[in-house]
Amino acid sequence: MKLAGGDPSIVSMNDLRAGAVSMSGFAALLLPGGFSYGDALGAGTRLALELRTWLYEELAGAVRSGRPVLGICNGFQALLKSGLLGEPGAPRRVTLTDNANGRFECRWVNLRVEPGCRSGWLGTIEGALIRCPVAHGEGRVAVTDPEVVRNLEDSGLVAFRYLSDDSHAGGDRVAGGQYPANPNGSVADIAGLCDPTGTAVGLMPHPEDHVADWQRPGGPPGGQGLALFEAFVDAAR
C-alpha cells in the first residue's frame, strides 16, 4: 500500500473487537489474503462470523460513508460470507467453495477489471488487464441457479473475470470456463465481485504479488496489480 501512496496500519481482530481501534479511524479498509483461523470451518467462514457478529455495523458504516473496502483471497471469502458482497438481500445465493478440480491451485492468471462494474473507484481502471497469481483451494464462485449470474451481471456486481491465457499477448477473451485460465471452475469466469454500492470489492487472485516487473515469471511486460491499489488509495483521499 505504501508503494501505491497509502499510509497503512496493520490492525488485529482482537483490537477491533476490544474497541482499542475503530474502523472509523481509517479512510479505507483492506482484508488481506491468508488462512484466517486455519480455514478450519471453511475458507473465511470463522472470520465472516466475527465480522457479522462483532463488526458488521462498523464495516457497513464504512461502506455507507463511501470509504473503499477491498478483500483479497481470504478477505474476499470473508466479505462474501459475511453478507457484505453479492446480491442485496437474503438469502445468500452466491458463495465461494472448493475448486472444481478438488485441489489447491497456485498459478498465474489473467484478469480483467470488468467493464460495466458499478464500482466507482474501479472505474478509473475499467477494462485494465492484470496478471497475478492465485493461491487457494476454495476459490470457486458458485451460485444456486443461472438467474443469480444474470442478476449479478445486470446489476454490475461482477468486478473481475478470468481471461484466456493469451490475453497479455494481444487477446482479451474470457476464459470460457477452461482450466487453467479459469483456475477453479468459477461460474461465468467470475474472479471478483462488488457490493451494490460499488464501494466494497473482493477478488480471489493476489494482485499484491505483481506490483513490480521483477515479480513477473515471464511473458510480456505490464499487467501489474499496482494500478488496483493506486485506484484504491486515490478513492480514499
C-alpha atoms as a PDB file:
ATOM      1  CA  MET A   1       0.000   0.000   0.000  1.00  0.00           C
ATOM      2  CA  LYS A   2       2.917   2.342   0.624  1.00  0.00           C
ATOM      3  CA  LEU A   3       4.024   1.799  -2.965  1.00  0.00           C
ATOM      4  CA  ALA A   4       0.560   2.936  -4.076  1.00  0.00           C
ATOM      5  CA  GLY A   5       0.803   6.105  -1.975  1.00  0.00           C
ATOM      6  CA  GLY A   6      -1.040   4.937   1.131  1.00  0.00           C
ATOM      7  CA  ASP A   7      -0.133   5.027   4.809  1.00  0.00           C
ATOM      8  CA  PRO A   8      -1.255   1.585   6.023  1.00  0.00           C
ATOM      9  CA  SER A   9      -1.682   0.277   9.556  1.00  0.00           C
ATOM     10  CA  ILE A  10      -1.967  -3.416  10.448  1.00  0.00           C
ATOM     11  CA  VAL A  11      -4.833  -3.936  12.906  1.00  0.00           C
ATOM     12  CA  SER A  12      -5.777  -7.226  14.558  1.00  0.00           C
ATOM     13  CA  MET A  13      -9.304  -8.559  15.015  1.00  0.00           C
ATOM     14  CA  ASN A  14      -8.655  -8.637  18.767  1.00  0.00           C
ATOM     15  CA  ASP A  15      -8.001  -4.899  18.830  1.00  0.00           C
ATOM     16  CA  LEU A  16     -11.112  -4.204  16.761  1.00  0.00           C
ATOM     17  CA  ARG A  17     -13.298  -6.394  18.971  1.00  0.00           C
ATOM     18  CA  ALA A  18     -11.888  -4.847  22.138  1.00  0.00           C
ATOM     19  CA  GLY A  19     -12.549  -1.343  20.816  1.00  0.00           C
ATOM     20  CA  ALA A  20      -8.871  -0.404  21.052  1.00  0.00           C
ATOM     21  CA  VAL A  21      -9.045   0.559  17.372  1.00  0.00           C
ATOM     22  CA  SER A  22     -12.077   1.588  15.320  1.00  0.00           C
ATOM     23  CA  MET A  23     -12.659   1.201  11.610  1.00  0.00           C
ATOM     24  CA  SER A  24     -13.976   4.768  11.660  1.00  0.00           C
ATOM     25  CA  GLY A  25     -10.419   5.996  12.082  1.00  0.00           C
ATOM     26  CA  PHE A  26      -9.361   4.854   8.613  1.00  0.00           C
ATOM     27  CA  ALA A  27     -10.082   6.219   5.159  1.00  0.00           C
ATOM     28  CA  ALA A  28     -10.099   2.732   3.576  1.00  0.00           C
ATOM     29  CA  LEU A  29     -10.203  -0.880   4.762  1.00  0.00           C
ATOM     30  CA  LEU A  30      -8.384  -3.882   3.300  1.00  0.00           C
ATOM     31  CA  LEU A  31      -8.885  -7.502   4.342  1.00  0.00           C
ATOM     32  CA  PRO A  32      -5.796  -9.374   3.114  1.00  0.00           C
ATOM     33  CA  GLY A  33      -5.274 -12.930   1.960  1.00  0.00           C
ATOM     34  CA  GLY A  34      -4.078 -15.765   4.150  1.00  0.00           C
ATOM     35  CA  PHE A  35      -5.736 -18.563   6.102  1.00  0.00           C
ATOM     36  CA  SER A  36      -7.729 -16.920   8.878  1.00  0.00           C
ATOM     37  CA  TYR A  37      -8.213 -19.371  11.757  1.00  0.00           C
ATOM     38  CA  GLY A  38      -6.565 -22.003   9.554  1.00  0.00           C
ATOM     39  CA  ASP A  39      -9.753 -22.191   7.439  1.00  0.00           C
ATOM     40  CA  ALA A  40     -10.792 -24.858   9.936  1.00  0.00           C
ATOM     41  CA  LEU A  41     -14.517 -24.202   9.406  1.00  0.00           C
ATOM     42  CA  GLY A  42     -14.139 -23.459   5.711  1.00  0.00           C
ATOM     43  CA  ALA A  43     -12.241 -20.670   3.983  1.00  0.00           C
ATOM     44  CA  GLY A  44     -13.096 -17.322   5.563  1.00  0.00           C
ATOM     45  CA  THR A  45     -16.068 -18.753   7.462  1.00  0.00           C
ATOM     46  CA  ARG A  46     -14.877 -18.025  11.012  1.00  0.00           C
ATOM     47  CA  LEU A  47     -13.681 -14.537  10.059  1.00  0.00           C
ATOM     48  CA  ALA A  48     -17.019 -13.867   8.350  1.00  0.00           C
ATOM     49  CA  LEU A  49     -18.807 -14.947  11.529  1.00  0.00           C
ATOM     50  CA  GLU A  50     -16.775 -12.474  13.580  1.00  0.00           C
ATOM     51  CA  LEU A  51     -17.451  -9.704  11.088  1.00  0.00           C
ATOM     52  CA  ARG A  52     -21.194 -10.364  11.223  1.00  0.00           C
ATOM     53  CA  THR A  53     -21.329 -10.737  14.997  1.00  0.00           C
ATOM     54  CA  TRP A  54     -18.973  -8.038  16.231  1.00  0.00           C
ATOM     55  CA  LEU A  55     -18.074  -5.625  13.449  1.00  0.00           C
ATOM     56  CA  TYR A  56     -20.770  -5.662  10.794  1.00  0.00           C
ATOM     57  CA  GLU A  57     -22.188  -2.244  11.652  1.00  0.00           C
ATOM     58  CA  GLU A  58     -18.715  -0.688  11.574  1.00  0.00           C
ATOM     59  CA  LEU A  59     -17.964  -2.349   8.246  1.00  0.00           C
ATOM     60  CA  ALA A  60     -21.334  -1.455   6.752  1.00  0.00           C
ATOM     61  CA  GLY A  61     -20.884   2.060   8.075  1.00  0.00           C
ATOM     62  CA  ALA A  62     -17.609   2.378   6.197  1.00  0.00           C
ATOM     63  CA  VAL A  63     -19.396   1.360   3.012  1.00  0.00           C
ATOM     64  CA  ARG A  64     -22.275   3.788   3.619  1.00  0.00           C
ATOM     65  CA  SER A  65     -19.794   6.604   4.101  1.00  0.00           C
ATOM     66  CA  GLY A  66     -18.130   5.802   0.779  1.00  0.00           C
ATOM     67  CA  ARG A  67     -14.821   4.596   2.195  1.00  0.00           C
ATOM     68  CA  PRO A  68     -13.434   1.895  -0.133  1.00  0.00           C
ATOM     69  CA  VAL A  69     -13.258  -1.661   1.191  1.00  0.00           C
ATOM     70  CA  LEU A  70     -11.143  -4.331  -0.522  1.00  0.00           C
ATOM     71  CA  GLY A  71     -10.942  -8.043   0.245  1.00  0.00           C
ATOM     72  CA  ILE A  72      -8.266 -10.252  -1.327  1.00  0.00           C
ATOM     73  CA  CYS A  73      -8.487 -14.065  -1.369  1.00  0.00           C
ATOM     74  CA  ASN A  74      -9.362 -14.964   2.238  1.00  0.00           C
ATOM     75  CA  GLY A  75     -10.557 -11.387   2.694  1.00  0.00           C
ATOM     76  CA  PHE A  76     -12.895 -11.833  -0.282  1.00  0.00           C
ATOM     77  CA  GLN A  77     -14.203 -15.077   1.181  1.00  0.00           C
ATOM     78  CA  ALA A  78     -14.902 -13.345   4.494  1.00  0.00           C
ATOM     79  CA  LEU A  79     -16.625 -10.337   2.911  1.00  0.00           C
ATOM     80  CA  LEU A  80     -18.835 -12.549   0.751  1.00  0.00           C
ATOM     81  CA  LYS A  81     -19.761 -14.972   3.529  1.00  0.00           C
ATOM     82  CA  SER A  82     -20.459 -12.111   5.924  1.00  0.00           C
ATOM     83  CA  GLY A  83     -23.152 -10.898   3.521  1.00  0.00           C
ATOM     84  CA  LEU A  84     -21.450  -7.651   2.526  1.00  0.00           C
ATOM     85  CA  LEU A  85     -20.833  -8.699  -1.085  1.00  0.00           C
ATOM     86  CA  GLY A  86     -23.054 -10.365  -3.661  1.00  0.00           C
ATOM     87  CA  GLU A  87     -26.740  -9.867  -4.305  1.00  0.00           C
ATOM     88  CA  PRO A  88     -28.524  -7.452  -1.988  1.00  0.00           C
ATOM     89  CA  GLY A  89     -30.959  -9.018   0.454  1.00  0.00           C
ATOM     90  CA  ALA A  90     -31.253 -12.546   1.768  1.00  0.00           C
ATOM     91  CA  PRO A  91     -30.885 -15.454   1.498  1.00  0.00           C
ATOM     92  CA  ARG A  92     -27.378 -15.525   0.077  1.00  0.00           C
ATOM     93  CA  ARG A  93     -27.329 -17.281  -3.298  1.00  0.00           C
ATOM     94  CA  VAL A  94     -23.641 -16.928  -4.173  1.00  0.00           C
ATOM     95  CA  THR A  95     -20.633 -18.320  -2.323  1.00  0.00           C
ATOM     96  CA  LEU A  96     -17.000 -19.383  -2.649  1.00  0.00           C
ATOM     97  CA  THR A  97     -16.373 -23.087  -2.356  1.00  0.00           C
ATOM     98  CA  ASP A  98     -13.918 -25.898  -3.236  1.00  0.00           C
ATOM     99  CA  ASN A  99     -12.055 -25.627  -6.529  1.00  0.00           C
ATOM    100  CA  ALA A 100     -13.683 -27.751  -9.224  1.00  0.00           C
ATOM    101  CA  ASN A 101     -10.605 -29.979  -9.529  1.00  0.00           C
ATOM    102  CA  GLY A 102     -10.557 -30.615  -5.788  1.00  0.00           C
ATOM    103  CA  ARG A 103      -7.036 -29.368  -5.164  1.00  0.00           C
ATOM    104  CA  PHE A 104      -5.124 -26.271  -4.156  1.00  0.00           C
ATOM    105  CA  GLU A 105      -4.191 -24.038  -7.109  1.00  0.00           C
ATOM    106  CA  CYS A 106      -1.090 -21.848  -7.138  1.00  0.00           C
ATOM    107  CA  ARG A 107      -0.547 -20.381 -10.614  1.00  0.00           C
ATOM    108  CA  TRP A 108      -0.511 -17.131 -12.569  1.00  0.00           C
ATOM    109  CA  VAL A 109      -3.745 -15.978 -14.206  1.00  0.00           C
ATOM    110  CA  ASN A 110      -5.014 -13.113 -16.328  1.00  0.00           C
ATOM    111  CA  LEU A 111      -7.770 -10.831 -15.045  1.00  0.00           C
ATOM    112  CA  ARG A 112      -9.860  -8.038 -16.460  1.00  0.00           C
ATOM    113  CA  VAL A 113     -11.428  -5.239 -14.449  1.00  0.00           C
ATOM    114  CA  GLU A 114     -14.899  -5.840 -15.792  1.00  0.00           C
ATOM    115  CA  PRO A 115     -16.403  -3.086 -17.970  1.00  0.00           C
ATOM    116  CA  GLY A 116     -19.752  -2.042 -16.566  1.00  0.00           C
ATOM    117  CA  CYS A 117     -18.850  -2.842 -12.972  1.00  0.00           C
ATOM    118  CA  ARG A 118     -20.700  -0.391 -10.748  1.00  0.00           C
ATOM    119  CA  SER A 119     -17.693   0.239  -8.506  1.00  0.00           C
ATOM    120  CA  GLY A 120     -16.832   3.887  -8.928  1.00  0.00           C
ATOM    121  CA  TRP A 121     -13.262   3.558  -7.696  1.00  0.00           C
ATOM    122  CA  LEU A 122     -12.611   0.626 -10.026  1.00  0.00           C
ATOM    123  CA  GLY A 123     -13.945   2.718 -12.892  1.00  0.00           C
ATOM    124  CA  THR A 124     -10.626   4.523 -13.204  1.00  0.00           C
ATOM    125  CA  ILE A 125      -9.023   1.249 -14.367  1.00  0.00           C
ATOM    126  CA  GLU A 126     -12.065  -0.268 -16.110  1.00  0.00           C
ATOM    127  CA  GLY A 127     -11.040  -2.808 -18.744  1.00  0.00           C
ATOM    128  CA  ALA A 128      -7.470  -2.983 -17.434  1.00  0.00           C
ATOM    129  CA  LEU A 129      -5.671  -6.323 -17.653  1.00  0.00           C
ATOM    130  CA  ILE A 130      -3.943  -7.640 -14.551  1.00  0.00           C
ATOM    131  CA  ARG A 131      -1.619 -10.631 -14.451  1.00  0.00           C
ATOM    132  CA  CYS A 132      -1.082 -12.091 -10.997  1.00  0.00           C
ATOM    133  CA  PRO A 133      -1.092 -15.391  -9.069  1.00  0.00           C
ATOM    134  CA  VAL A 134      -3.894 -17.290  -7.410  1.00  0.00           C
ATOM    135  CA  ALA A 135      -3.232 -19.392  -4.311  1.00  0.00           C
ATOM    136  CA  HIS A 136      -6.363 -21.047  -2.959  1.00  0.00           C
ATOM    137  CA  GLY A 137      -8.239 -24.297  -2.519  1.00  0.00           C
ATOM    138  CA  GLU A 138     -11.709 -22.783  -2.088  1.00  0.00           C
ATOM    139  CA  GLY A 139     -11.915 -20.048  -4.698  1.00  0.00           C
ATOM    140  CA  ARG A 140     -14.734 -21.219  -6.957  1.00  0.00           C
ATOM    141  CA  VAL A 141     -17.612 -18.765  -7.281  1.00  0.00           C
ATOM    142  CA  ALA A 142     -20.773 -20.877  -7.155  1.00  0.00           C
ATOM    143  CA  VAL A 143     -24.438 -19.871  -7.383  1.00  0.00           C
ATOM    144  CA  THR A 144     -27.739 -21.565  -6.676  1.00  0.00           C
ATOM    145  CA  ASP A 145     -29.083 -21.153 -10.240  1.00  0.00           C
ATOM    146  CA  PRO A 146     -28.315 -19.351 -13.537  1.00  0.00           C
ATOM    147  CA  GLU A 147     -30.646 -16.494 -12.625  1.00  0.00           C
ATOM    148  CA  VAL A 148     -28.118 -15.409  -9.987  1.00  0.00           C
ATOM    149  CA  VAL A 149     -25.404 -14.909 -12.595  1.00  0.00           C
ATOM    150  CA  ARG A 150     -27.740 -12.842 -14.757  1.00  0.00           C
ATOM    151  CA  ASN A 151     -28.659 -10.725 -11.746  1.00  0.00           C
ATOM    152  CA  LEU A 152     -25.001 -10.172 -10.823  1.00  0.00           C
ATOM    153  CA  GLU A 153     -24.198  -9.138 -14.395  1.00  0.00           C
ATOM    154  CA  ASP A 154     -27.279  -6.964 -14.893  1.00  0.00           C
ATOM    155  CA  SER A 155     -26.633  -5.226 -11.552  1.00  0.00           C
ATOM    156  CA  GLY A 156     -22.983  -4.506 -12.405  1.00  0.00           C
ATOM    157  CA  LEU A 157     -21.726  -6.561  -9.464  1.00  0.00           C
ATOM    158  CA  VAL A 158     -19.142  -8.581 -11.433  1.00  0.00           C
ATOM    159  CA  ALA A 159     -15.869  -6.760 -10.769  1.00  0.00           C
ATOM    160  CA  PHE A 160     -13.255  -9.112 -12.276  1.00  0.00           C
ATOM    161  CA  ARG A 161     -13.205 -12.003 -14.746  1.00  0.00           C
ATOM    162  CA  TYR A 162     -10.580 -14.585 -15.622  1.00  0.00           C
ATOM    163  CA  LEU A 163      -9.237 -14.171 -19.145  1.00  0.00           C
ATOM    164  CA  SER A 164      -7.712 -16.622 -21.590  1.00  0.00           C
ATOM    165  CA  ASP A 165      -4.014 -17.470 -21.351  1.00  0.00           C
ATOM    166  CA  ASP A 166      -3.153 -15.380 -24.436  1.00  0.00           C
ATOM    167  CA  SER A 167      -4.718 -12.173 -23.101  1.00  0.00           C
ATOM    168  CA  HIS A 168      -1.383 -10.493 -22.458  1.00  0.00           C
ATOM    169  CA  ALA A 169      -0.181 -11.386 -25.921  1.00  0.00           C
ATOM    170  CA  GLY A 170      -2.820  -9.217 -27.555  1.00  0.00           C
ATOM    171  CA  GLY A 171      -6.032 -11.111 -26.845  1.00  0.00           C
ATOM    172  CA  ASP A 172      -8.805 -10.115 -24.469  1.00  0.00           C
ATOM    173  CA  ARG A 173     -11.087 -13.117 -24.265  1.00  0.00           C
ATOM    174  CA  VAL A 174     -12.719 -14.500 -21.154  1.00  0.00           C
ATOM    175  CA  ALA A 175     -11.502 -17.919 -20.091  1.00  0.00           C
ATOM    176  CA  GLY A 176     -14.696 -19.663 -21.144  1.00  0.00           C
ATOM    177  CA  GLY A 177     -14.594 -21.886 -18.096  1.00  0.00           C
ATOM    178  CA  GLN A 178     -11.473 -23.595 -19.362  1.00  0.00           C
ATOM    179  CA  TYR A 179      -8.742 -24.722 -16.976  1.00  0.00           C
ATOM    180  CA  PRO A 180      -6.142 -23.415 -16.213  1.00  0.00           C
ATOM    181  CA  ALA A 181      -7.154 -19.923 -17.416  1.00  0.00           C
ATOM    182  CA  ASN A 182     -10.092 -20.289 -15.055  1.00  0.00           C
ATOM    183  CA  PRO A 183      -8.180 -21.979 -12.255  1.00  0.00           C
ATOM    184  CA  ASN A 184     -11.063 -23.024 -10.014  1.00  0.00           C
ATOM    185  CA  GLY A 185     -14.152 -23.501 -12.187  1.00  0.00           C
ATOM    186  CA  SER A 186     -15.852 -20.265 -11.123  1.00  0.00           C
ATOM    187  CA  VAL A 187     -19.200 -19.756 -12.824  1.00  0.00           C
ATOM    188  CA  ALA A 188     -19.052 -17.303 -15.753  1.00  0.00           C
ATOM    189  CA  ASP A 189     -15.288 -16.894 -15.131  1.00  0.00           C
ATOM    190  CA  ILE A 190     -16.033 -14.558 -12.199  1.00  0.00           C
ATOM    191  CA  ALA A 191     -12.876 -13.706 -10.250  1.00  0.00           C
ATOM    192  CA  GLY A 192     -14.276 -10.906  -8.099  1.00  0.00           C
ATOM    193  CA  LEU A 193     -17.450  -9.075  -7.079  1.00  0.00           C
ATOM    194  CA  CYS A 194     -18.527  -5.746  -5.646  1.00  0.00           C
ATOM    195  CA  ASP A 195     -21.414  -4.761  -3.394  1.00  0.00           C
ATOM    196  CA  PRO A 196     -24.495  -2.893  -4.690  1.00  0.00           C
ATOM    197  CA  THR A 197     -22.981   0.484  -3.744  1.00  0.00           C
ATOM    198  CA  GLY A 198     -19.753  -0.307  -5.618  1.00  0.00           C
ATOM    199  CA  THR A 199     -17.736   0.682  -2.551  1.00  0.00           C
ATOM    200  CA  ALA A 200     -16.748  -2.813  -1.336  1.00  0.00           C
ATOM    201  CA  VAL A 201     -14.829  -5.055  -3.744  1.00  0.00           C
ATOM    202  CA  GLY A 202     -13.395  -8.545  -3.406  1.00  0.00           C
ATOM    203  CA  LEU A 203     -11.328 -10.834  -5.616  1.00  0.00           C
ATOM    204  CA  MET A 204      -9.672 -14.241  -5.287  1.00  0.00           C
ATOM    205  CA  PRO A 205      -6.335 -13.632  -7.101  1.00  0.00           C
ATOM    206  CA  HIS A 206      -3.419 -11.791  -5.481  1.00  0.00           C
ATOM    207  CA  PRO A 207      -2.643  -8.509  -7.299  1.00  0.00           C
ATOM    208  CA  GLU A 208      -0.268  -7.587  -4.458  1.00  0.00           C
ATOM    209  CA  ASP A 209       2.068 -10.316  -5.765  1.00  0.00           C
ATOM    210  CA  HIS A 210       2.671  -8.417  -9.002  1.00  0.00           C
ATOM    211  CA  VAL A 211       3.428  -4.787  -8.263  1.00  0.00           C
ATOM    212  CA  ALA A 212       6.920  -4.775  -9.848  1.00  0.00           C
ATOM    213  CA  ASP A 213       8.267  -6.275 -13.068  1.00  0.00           C
ATOM    214  CA  TRP A 214      10.838  -8.408 -11.250  1.00  0.00           C
ATOM    215  CA  GLN A 215       7.987 -10.426  -9.714  1.00  0.00           C
ATOM    216  CA  ARG A 216       6.737 -11.491 -13.141  1.00  0.00           C
ATOM    217  CA  PRO A 217       7.776 -15.049 -14.111  1.00  0.00           C
ATOM    218  CA  GLY A 218       7.761 -14.390 -17.857  1.00  0.00           C
ATOM    219  CA  GLY A 219       5.670 -13.165 -20.751  1.00  0.00           C
ATOM    220  CA  PRO A 220       5.149  -9.593 -21.956  1.00  0.00           C
ATOM    221  CA  PRO A 221       5.661  -6.708 -19.518  1.00  0.00           C
ATOM    222  CA  GLY A 222       2.758  -4.836 -17.959  1.00  0.00           C
ATOM    223  CA  GLY A 223      -0.336  -6.090 -16.224  1.00  0.00           C
ATOM    224  CA  GLN A 224       0.823  -5.083 -12.763  1.00  0.00           C
ATOM    225  CA  GLY A 225      -1.616  -5.181  -9.878  1.00  0.00           C
ATOM    226  CA  LEU A 226      -0.250  -1.871  -8.593  1.00  0.00           C
ATOM    227  CA  ALA A 227      -2.869   0.039 -10.606  1.00  0.00           C
ATOM    228  CA  LEU A 228      -5.598  -1.560  -8.496  1.00  0.00           C
ATOM    229  CA  PHE A 229      -4.026  -0.373  -5.249  1.00  0.00           C
ATOM    230  CA  GLU A 230      -3.397   3.099  -6.652  1.00  0.00           C
ATOM    231  CA  ALA A 231      -7.102   3.345  -7.523  1.00  0.00           C
ATOM    232  CA  PHE A 232      -7.966   2.108  -4.022  1.00  0.00           C
ATOM    233  CA  VAL A 233      -5.743   4.710  -2.341  1.00  0.00           C
ATOM    234  CA  ASP A 234      -6.972   7.505  -4.631  1.00  0.00           C
ATOM    235  CA  ALA A 235     -10.566   6.691  -3.680  1.00  0.00           C
ATOM    236  CA  ALA A 236      -9.659   7.057  -0.009  1.00  0.00           C
ATOM    237  CA  ARG A 237      -8.319  10.575  -0.388  1.00  0.00           C
END
